[in-house]
Amino acid sequence: MLTSLNSIEDAARLADTVAAHMPLKLADKQSVLEMSDVNERLEYLMAMMESDRSATGREANS
């Protein structure tokens, strides 16, 4: 997957590809696809990744 992400040069396509492979609810994935601003989509995905990472860290420390 990382190899295919490295070859994507279009930010909108990158956001769509990342969203498709993230463990998000279908409604959340659809929300990402409906965002017209690419920066907003990428920021949303980054926030989701950070949230997931924080949750995973809390689970590991329990």
PDB file of N, CA and C in Angstrom:
ATOM      1  N   MET A   1       0.819  -1.192   0.000  1.00  0.00           N
ATOM      2  CA  MET A   1       0.000   0.000   0.000  1.00  0.00           C
ATOM      3  C   MET A   1       0.863   1.256   0.000  1.00  0.00           C
ATOM      4  N   LEU A   2       1.928   1.276   0.796  1.00  0.00           N
ATOM      5  CA  LEU A   2       2.780   2.458   0.829  1.00  0.00           C
ATOM      6  C   LEU A   2       3.386   2.760  -0.528  1.00  0.00           C
ATOM      7  N   THR A   3       3.734   1.735  -1.266  1.00  0.00           N
ATOM      8  CA  THR A   3       4.294   1.941  -2.594  1.00  0.00           C
ATOM      9  C   THR A   3       3.279   2.627  -3.492  1.00  0.00           C
ATOM     10  N   SER A   4       2.039   2.193  -3.439  1.00  0.00           N
ATOM     11  CA  SER A   4       1.019   2.813  -4.284  1.00  0.00           C
ATOM     12  C   SER A   4       0.722   4.240  -3.830  1.00  0.00           C
ATOM     13  N   LEU A   5       0.782   4.518  -2.536  1.00  0.00           N
ATOM     14  CA  LEU A   5       0.568   5.882  -2.055  1.00  0.00           C
ATOM     15  C   LEU A   5       1.687   6.809  -2.506  1.00  0.00           C
ATOM     16  N   ASN A   6       2.907   6.300  -2.532  1.00  0.00           N
ATOM     17  CA  ASN A   6       4.037   7.116  -2.965  1.00  0.00           C
ATOM     18  C   ASN A   6       3.918   7.551  -4.414  1.00  0.00           C
ATOM     19  N   SER A   7       3.215   6.787  -5.225  1.00  0.00           N
ATOM     20  CA  SER A   7       3.106   7.114  -6.645  1.00  0.00           C
ATOM     21  C   SER A   7       1.966   8.088  -6.942  1.00  0.00           C
ATOM     22  N   ILE A   8       1.128   8.380  -5.962  1.00  0.00           N
ATOM     23  CA  ILE A   8       0.000   9.297  -6.178  1.00  0.00           C
ATOM     24  C   ILE A   8       0.492  10.733  -6.062  1.00  0.00           C
ATOM     25  N   GLU A   9       0.296  11.491  -7.124  1.00  0.00           N
ATOM     26  CA  GLU A   9       0.747  12.883  -7.140  1.00  0.00           C
ATOM     27  C   GLU A   9      -0.386  13.881  -6.911  1.00  0.00           C
ATOM     28  N   ASP A  10      -1.629  13.450  -7.110  1.00  0.00           N
ATOM     29  CA  ASP A  10      -2.785  14.320  -6.953  1.00  0.00           C
ATOM     30  C   ASP A  10      -3.307  14.232  -5.518  1.00  0.00           C
ATOM     31  N   ALA A  11      -3.395  15.370  -4.834  1.00  0.00           N
ATOM     32  CA  ALA A  11      -3.803  15.384  -3.426  1.00  0.00           C
ATOM     33  C   ALA A  11      -5.217  14.845  -3.230  1.00  0.00           C
ATOM     34  N   ALA A  12      -6.118  15.144  -4.143  1.00  0.00           N
ATOM     35  CA  ALA A  12      -7.494  14.656  -4.021  1.00  0.00           C
ATOM     36  C   ALA A  12      -7.533  13.135  -4.130  1.00  0.00           C
ATOM     37  N   ARG A  13      -6.776  12.599  -5.056  1.00  0.00           N
ATOM     38  CA  ARG A  13      -6.737  11.141  -5.219  1.00  0.00           C
ATOM     39  C   ARG A  13      -6.094  10.487  -3.996  1.00  0.00           C
ATOM     40  N   LEU A  14      -5.066  11.116  -3.445  1.00  0.00           N
ATOM     41  CA  LEU A  14      -4.426  10.599  -2.238  1.00  0.00           C
ATOM     42  C   LEU A  14      -5.431  10.536  -1.089  1.00  0.00           C
ATOM     43  N   ALA A  15      -6.181  11.617  -0.897  1.00  0.00           N
ATOM     44  CA  ALA A  15      -7.181  11.645   0.175  1.00  0.00           C
ATOM     45  C   ALA A  15      -8.220  10.547  -0.017  1.00  0.00           C
ATOM     46  N   ASP A  16      -8.683  10.378  -1.246  1.00  0.00           N
ATOM     47  CA  ASP A  16      -9.687   9.344  -1.522  1.00  0.00           C
ATOM     48  C   ASP A  16      -9.133   7.947  -1.264  1.00  0.00           C
ATOM     49  N   THR A  17      -7.893   7.713  -1.662  1.00  0.00           N
ATOM     50  CA  THR A  17      -7.277   6.397  -1.482  1.00  0.00           C
ATOM     51  C   THR A  17      -7.064   6.093  -0.003  1.00  0.00           C
ATOM     52  N   VAL A  18      -6.574   7.071   0.738  1.00  0.00           N
ATOM     53  CA  VAL A  18      -6.358   6.880   2.177  1.00  0.00           C
ATOM     54  C   VAL A  18      -7.691   6.612   2.872  1.00  0.00           C
ATOM     55  N   ALA A  19      -8.709   7.398   2.537  1.00  0.00           N
ATOM     56  CA  ALA A  19     -10.027   7.208   3.155  1.00  0.00           C
ATOM     57  C   ALA A  19     -10.579   5.818   2.865  1.00  0.00           C
ATOM     58  N   ALA A  20     -10.367   5.347   1.658  1.00  0.00           N
ATOM     59  CA  ALA A  20     -10.882   4.029   1.277  1.00  0.00           C
ATOM     60  C   ALA A  20     -10.238   2.907   2.078  1.00  0.00           C
ATOM     61  N   HIS A  21      -8.991   3.101   2.512  1.00  0.00           N
ATOM     62  CA  HIS A  21      -8.270   2.045   3.217  1.00  0.00           C
ATOM     63  C   HIS A  21      -8.274   2.196   4.738  1.00  0.00           C
ATOM     64  N   MET A  22      -8.836   3.304   5.232  1.00  0.00           N
ATOM     65  CA  MET A  22      -8.899   3.497   6.679  1.00  0.00           C
ATOM     66  C   MET A  22     -10.088   2.743   7.259  1.00  0.00           C
ATOM     67  N   PRO A  23      -9.964   2.289   8.507  1.00  0.00           N
ATOM     68  CA  PRO A  23     -11.078   1.580   9.147  1.00  0.00           C
ATOM     69  C   PRO A  23     -12.133   2.565   9.662  1.00  0.00           C
ATOM     70  N   LEU A  24     -12.790   3.245   8.735  1.00  0.00           N
ATOM     71  CA  LEU A  24     -13.817   4.223   9.075  1.00  0.00           C
ATOM     72  C   LEU A  24     -15.197   3.643   8.786  1.00  0.00           C
ATOM     73  N   LYS A  25     -16.189   4.191   9.464  1.00  0.00           N
ATOM     74  CA  LYS A  25     -17.569   3.830   9.147  1.00  0.00           C
ATOM     75  C   LYS A  25     -17.867   4.324   7.736  1.00  0.00           C
ATOM     76  N   LEU A  26     -18.762   3.641   7.065  1.00  0.00           N
ATOM     77  CA  LEU A  26     -19.120   4.002   5.699  1.00  0.00           C
ATOM     78  C   LEU A  26     -19.580   5.456   5.612  1.00  0.00           C
ATOM     79  N   ALA A  27     -20.341   5.916   6.595  1.00  0.00           N
ATOM     80  CA  ALA A  27     -20.823   7.300   6.602  1.00  0.00           C
ATOM     81  C   ALA A  27     -19.660   8.286   6.685  1.00  0.00           C
ATOM     82  N   ASP A  28     -18.619   7.949   7.461  1.00  0.00           N
ATOM     83  CA  ASP A  28     -17.443   8.817   7.565  1.00  0.00           C
ATOM     84  C   ASP A  28     -16.684   8.856   6.246  1.00  0.00           C
ATOM     85  N   LYS A  29     -16.560   7.710   5.594  1.00  0.00           N
ATOM     86  CA  LYS A  29     -15.890   7.670   4.289  1.00  0.00           C
ATOM     87  C   LYS A  29     -16.655   8.509   3.276  1.00  0.00           C
ATOM     88  N   GLN A  30     -17.975   8.415   3.304  1.00  0.00           N
ATOM     89  CA  GLN A  30     -18.794   9.197   2.384  1.00  0.00           C
ATOM     90  C   GLN A  30     -18.631  10.681   2.663  1.00  0.00           C
ATOM     91  N   SER A  31     -18.540  11.058   3.935  1.00  0.00           N
ATOM     92  CA  SER A  31     -18.339  12.465   4.299  1.00  0.00           C
ATOM     93  C   SER A  31     -17.048  13.000   3.704  1.00  0.00           C
ATOM     94  N   VAL A  32     -16.004  12.192   3.753  1.00  0.00           N
ATOM     95  CA  VAL A  32     -14.716  12.605   3.186  1.00  0.00           C
ATOM     96  C   VAL A  32     -14.866  12.834   1.686  1.00  0.00           C
ATOM     97  N   LEU A  33     -15.518  11.912   1.008  1.00  0.00           N
ATOM     98  CA  LEU A  33     -15.681  12.031  -0.441  1.00  0.00           C
ATOM     99  C   LEU A  33     -16.511  13.249  -0.827  1.00  0.00           C
ATOM    100  N   GLU A  34     -17.414  13.666   0.046  1.00  0.00           N
ATOM    101  CA  GLU A  34     -18.275  14.806  -0.250  1.00  0.00           C
ATOM    102  C   GLU A  34     -17.614  16.148   0.040  1.00  0.00           C
ATOM    103  N   MET A  35     -16.491  16.155   0.755  1.00  0.00           N
ATOM    104  CA  MET A  35     -15.791  17.410   1.036  1.00  0.00           C
ATOM    105  C   MET A  35     -15.145  17.908  -0.250  1.00  0.00           C
ATOM    106  N   SER A  36     -15.480  19.141  -0.648  1.00  0.00           N
ATOM    107  CA  SER A  36     -14.941  19.661  -1.905  1.00  0.00           C
ATOM    108  C   SER A  36     -13.530  20.225  -1.740  1.00  0.00           C
ATOM    109  N   ASP A  37     -13.191  20.664  -0.542  1.00  0.00           N
ATOM    110  CA  ASP A  37     -11.868  21.237  -0.303  1.00  0.00           C
ATOM    111  C   ASP A  37     -10.879  20.126   0.046  1.00  0.00           C
ATOM    112  N   VAL A  38      -9.853  19.983  -0.774  1.00  0.00           N
ATOM    113  CA  VAL A  38      -8.869  18.909  -0.588  1.00  0.00           C
ATOM    114  C   VAL A  38      -8.143  19.055   0.740  1.00  0.00           C
ATOM    115  N   ASN A  39      -7.769  20.272   1.101  1.00  0.00           N
ATOM    116  CA  ASN A  39      -7.074  20.472   2.376  1.00  0.00           C
ATOM    117  C   ASN A  39      -7.947  20.052   3.547  1.00  0.00           C
ATOM    118  N   GLU A  40      -9.236  20.355   3.467  1.00  0.00           N
ATOM    119  CA  GLU A  40     -10.174  19.953   4.524  1.00  0.00           C
ATOM    120  C   GLU A  40     -10.227  18.426   4.627  1.00  0.00           C
ATOM    121  N   ARG A  41     -10.265  17.745   3.483  1.00  0.00           N
ATOM    122  CA  ARG A  41     -10.301  16.278   3.483  1.00  0.00           C
ATOM    123  C   ARG A  41      -9.041  15.708   4.115  1.00  0.00           C
ATOM    124  N   LEU A  42      -7.888  16.240   3.721  1.00  0.00           N
ATOM    125  CA  LEU A  42      -6.629  15.725   4.261  1.00  0.00           C
ATOM    126  C   LEU A  42      -6.512  16.004   5.759  1.00  0.00           C
ATOM    127  N   GLU A  43      -6.933  17.188   6.193  1.00  0.00           N
ATOM    128  CA  GLU A  43      -6.889  17.513   7.623  1.00  0.00           C
ATOM    129  C   GLU A  43      -7.823  16.602   8.418  1.00  0.00           C
ATOM    130  N   TYR A  44      -8.998  16.327   7.872  1.00  0.00           N
ATOM    131  CA  TYR A  44      -9.950  15.429   8.523  1.00  0.00           C
ATOM    132  C   TYR A  44      -9.341  14.036   8.674  1.00  0.00           C
ATOM    133  N   LEU A  45      -8.729  13.542   7.603  1.00  0.00           N
ATOM    134  CA  LEU A  45      -8.116  12.210   7.651  1.00  0.00           C
ATOM    135  C   LEU A  45      -6.961  12.162   8.643  1.00  0.00           C
ATOM    136  N   MET A  46      -6.158  13.221   8.686  1.00  0.00           N
ATOM    137  CA  MET A  46      -5.061  13.274   9.659  1.00  0.00           C
ATOM    138  C   MET A  46      -5.617  13.235  11.080  1.00  0.00           C
ATOM    139  N   ALA A  47      -6.679  13.972  11.327  1.00  0.00           N
ATOM    140  CA  ALA A  47      -7.295  13.975  12.660  1.00  0.00           C
ATOM    141  C   ALA A  47      -7.812  12.585  13.014  1.00  0.00           C
ATOM    142  N   MET A  48      -8.400  11.899  12.040  1.00  0.00           N
ATOM    143  CA  MET A  48      -8.900  10.544  12.285  1.00  0.00           C
ATOM    144  C   MET A  48      -7.742   9.592  12.589  1.00  0.00           C
ATOM    145  N   MET A  49      -6.631   9.737  11.877  1.00  0.00           N
ATOM    146  CA  MET A  49      -5.463   8.882  12.127  1.00  0.00           C
ATOM    147  C   MET A  49      -4.882   9.153  13.508  1.00  0.00           C
ATOM    148  N   GLU A  50      -4.792  10.429  13.882  1.00  0.00           N
ATOM    149  CA  GLU A  50      -4.262  10.776  15.197  1.00  0.00           C
ATOM    150  C   GLU A  50      -5.180  10.260  16.299  1.00  0.00           C
ATOM    151  N   SER A  51      -6.473  10.354  16.096  1.00  0.00           N
ATOM    152  CA  SER A  51      -7.440   9.852  17.073  1.00  0.00           C
ATOM    153  C   SER A  51      -7.309   8.343  17.228  1.00  0.00           C
ATOM    154  N   ASP A  52      -7.176   7.651  16.109  1.00  0.00           N
ATOM    155  CA  ASP A  52      -7.016   6.194  16.134  1.00  0.00           C
ATOM    156  C   ASP A  52      -5.713   5.812  16.824  1.00  0.00           C
ATOM    157  N   ARG A  53      -4.664   6.559  16.542  1.00  0.00           N
ATOM    158  CA  ARG A  53      -3.362   6.279  17.159  1.00  0.00           C
ATOM    159  C   ARG A  53      -3.425   6.494  18.666  1.00  0.00           C
ATOM    160  N   SER A  54      -4.105   7.548  19.092  1.00  0.00           N
ATOM    161  CA  SER A  54      -4.247   7.811  20.527  1.00  0.00           C
ATOM    162  C   SER A  54      -5.042   6.707  21.205  1.00  0.00           C
ATOM    163  N   ALA A  55      -6.117   6.274  20.565  1.00  0.00           N
ATOM    164  CA  ALA A  55      -6.941   5.204  21.131  1.00  0.00           C
ATOM    165  C   ALA A  55      -6.149   3.910  21.219  1.00  0.00           C
ATOM    166  N   THR A  56      -5.360   3.616  20.214  1.00  0.00           N
ATOM    167  CA  THR A  56      -4.538   2.409  20.216  1.00  0.00           C
ATOM    168  C   THR A  56      -3.500   2.473  21.331  1.00  0.00           C
ATOM    169  N   GLY A  57      -2.924   3.646  21.546  1.00  0.00           N
ATOM    170  CA  GLY A  57      -1.947   3.819  22.615  1.00  0.00           C
ATOM    171  C   GLY A  57      -2.561   3.633  23.984  1.00  0.00           C
ATOM    172  N   ARG A  58      -3.780   4.124  24.161  1.00  0.00           N
ATOM    173  CA  ARG A  58      -4.470   3.961  25.451  1.00  0.00           C
ATOM    174  C   ARG A  58      -4.780   2.493  25.703  1.00  0.00           C
ATOM    175  N   GLU A  59      -5.182   1.772  24.649  1.00  0.00           N
ATOM    176  CA  GLU A  59      -5.480   0.347  24.799  1.00  0.00           C
ATOM    177  C   GLU A  59      -4.228  -0.434  25.174  1.00  0.00           C
ATOM    178  N   ALA A  60      -3.098  -0.068  24.604  1.00  0.00           N
ATOM    179  CA  ALA A  60      -1.850  -0.776  24.873  1.00  0.00           C
ATOM    180  C   ALA A  60      -1.383  -0.539  26.310  1.00  0.00           C
ATOM    181  N   ASN A  61      -1.705   0.635  26.852  1.00  0.00           N
ATOM    182  CA  ASN A  61      -1.274   0.969  28.207  1.00  0.00           C
ATOM    183  C   ASN A  61      -2.223   0.438  29.275  1.00  0.00           C
ATOM    184  N   SER A  62      -3.350  -0.114  28.884  1.00  0.00           N
ATOM    185  CA  SER A  62      -4.338  -0.623  29.862  1.00  0.00           C
ATOM    186  C   SER A  62      -3.980  -1.990  30.355  1.00  0.00           C
TER     187      SER A  62
END
